[in-house]
Amino acid sequence: MDALERYTQLLKVNPIIVKRLPNKVVASYINISQETLSRLKSKV
């Protein structure tokens, strides 16, 4: 699974995590960098 798939799956399964936790924690949870997570958030 690539980073986008992991992020979208997390949004489907548990979107509250993405909204409530800092980007650093979310990025670590799905094993991507904070910069990549920021880029993904801006795309989605």
C-alpha atoms as a PDB file:
ATOM      1  CA  MET A   1       0.000   0.000   0.000  1.00  0.00           C
ATOM      2  CA  ASP A   2       1.280   3.447  -0.805  1.00  0.00           C
ATOM      3  CA  ALA A   3       0.991   6.495   1.443  1.00  0.00           C
ATOM      4  CA  LEU A   4      -2.187   7.795  -0.197  1.00  0.00           C
ATOM      5  CA  GLU A   5      -3.948   4.452   0.232  1.00  0.00           C
ATOM      6  CA  ARG A   6      -2.951   4.236   3.899  1.00  0.00           C
ATOM      7  CA  TYR A   7      -4.174   7.777   4.542  1.00  0.00           C
ATOM      8  CA  THR A   8      -7.510   7.299   2.756  1.00  0.00           C
ATOM      9  CA  GLN A   9      -8.066   3.987   4.537  1.00  0.00           C
ATOM     10  CA  LEU A  10      -7.445   5.675   7.884  1.00  0.00           C
ATOM     11  CA  LEU A  11      -9.943   8.398   6.929  1.00  0.00           C
ATOM     12  CA  LYS A  12     -12.569   5.770   6.134  1.00  0.00           C
ATOM     13  CA  VAL A  13     -11.979   3.601   9.196  1.00  0.00           C
ATOM     14  CA  ASN A  14     -11.406   6.251  11.851  1.00  0.00           C
ATOM     15  CA  PRO A  15     -11.584   9.867  10.639  1.00  0.00           C
ATOM     16  CA  ILE A  16     -11.646  11.251  14.186  1.00  0.00           C
ATOM     17  CA  ILE A  17      -7.975  10.259  14.599  1.00  0.00           C
ATOM     18  CA  VAL A  18      -6.936  12.511  11.732  1.00  0.00           C
ATOM     19  CA  LYS A  19      -8.898  15.438  13.130  1.00  0.00           C
ATOM     20  CA  ARG A  20      -7.925  15.169  16.787  1.00  0.00           C
ATOM     21  CA  LEU A  21      -4.298  14.049  16.784  1.00  0.00           C
ATOM     22  CA  PRO A  22      -1.299  16.122  15.683  1.00  0.00           C
ATOM     23  CA  ASN A  23       0.126  15.458  12.216  1.00  0.00           C
ATOM     24  CA  LYS A  24       3.282  14.036  13.780  1.00  0.00           C
ATOM     25  CA  VAL A  25       1.336  11.259  15.507  1.00  0.00           C
ATOM     26  CA  VAL A  26      -0.859  10.464  12.501  1.00  0.00           C
ATOM     27  CA  ALA A  27       2.162  10.345  10.184  1.00  0.00           C
ATOM     28  CA  SER A  28       3.988   8.015  12.545  1.00  0.00           C
ATOM     29  CA  TYR A  29       0.913   5.788  12.856  1.00  0.00           C
ATOM     30  CA  ILE A  30       0.676   5.235   9.090  1.00  0.00           C
ATOM     31  CA  ASN A  31       4.466   5.186   8.678  1.00  0.00           C
ATOM     32  CA  ILE A  32       4.984   8.273   6.515  1.00  0.00           C
ATOM     33  CA  SER A  33       6.779  11.576   7.024  1.00  0.00           C
ATOM     34  CA  GLN A  34       4.983  14.652   8.298  1.00  0.00           C
ATOM     35  CA  GLU A  35       5.720  16.415   5.006  1.00  0.00           C
ATOM     36  CA  THR A  36       4.085  13.626   3.007  1.00  0.00           C
ATOM     37  CA  LEU A  37       1.039  13.699   5.275  1.00  0.00           C
ATOM     38  CA  SER A  38       0.743  17.447   4.759  1.00  0.00           C
ATOM     39  CA  ARG A  39       0.861  16.987   0.978  1.00  0.00           C
ATOM     40  CA  LEU A  40      -1.771  14.237   1.136  1.00  0.00           C
ATOM     41  CA  LYS A  41      -4.088  16.373   3.269  1.00  0.00           C
ATOM     42  CA  SER A  42      -3.918  19.169   0.729  1.00  0.00           C
ATOM     43  CA  LYS A  43      -4.754  16.781  -2.134  1.00  0.00           C
ATOM     44  CA  VAL A  44      -7.694  15.017  -0.464  1.00  0.00           C
END
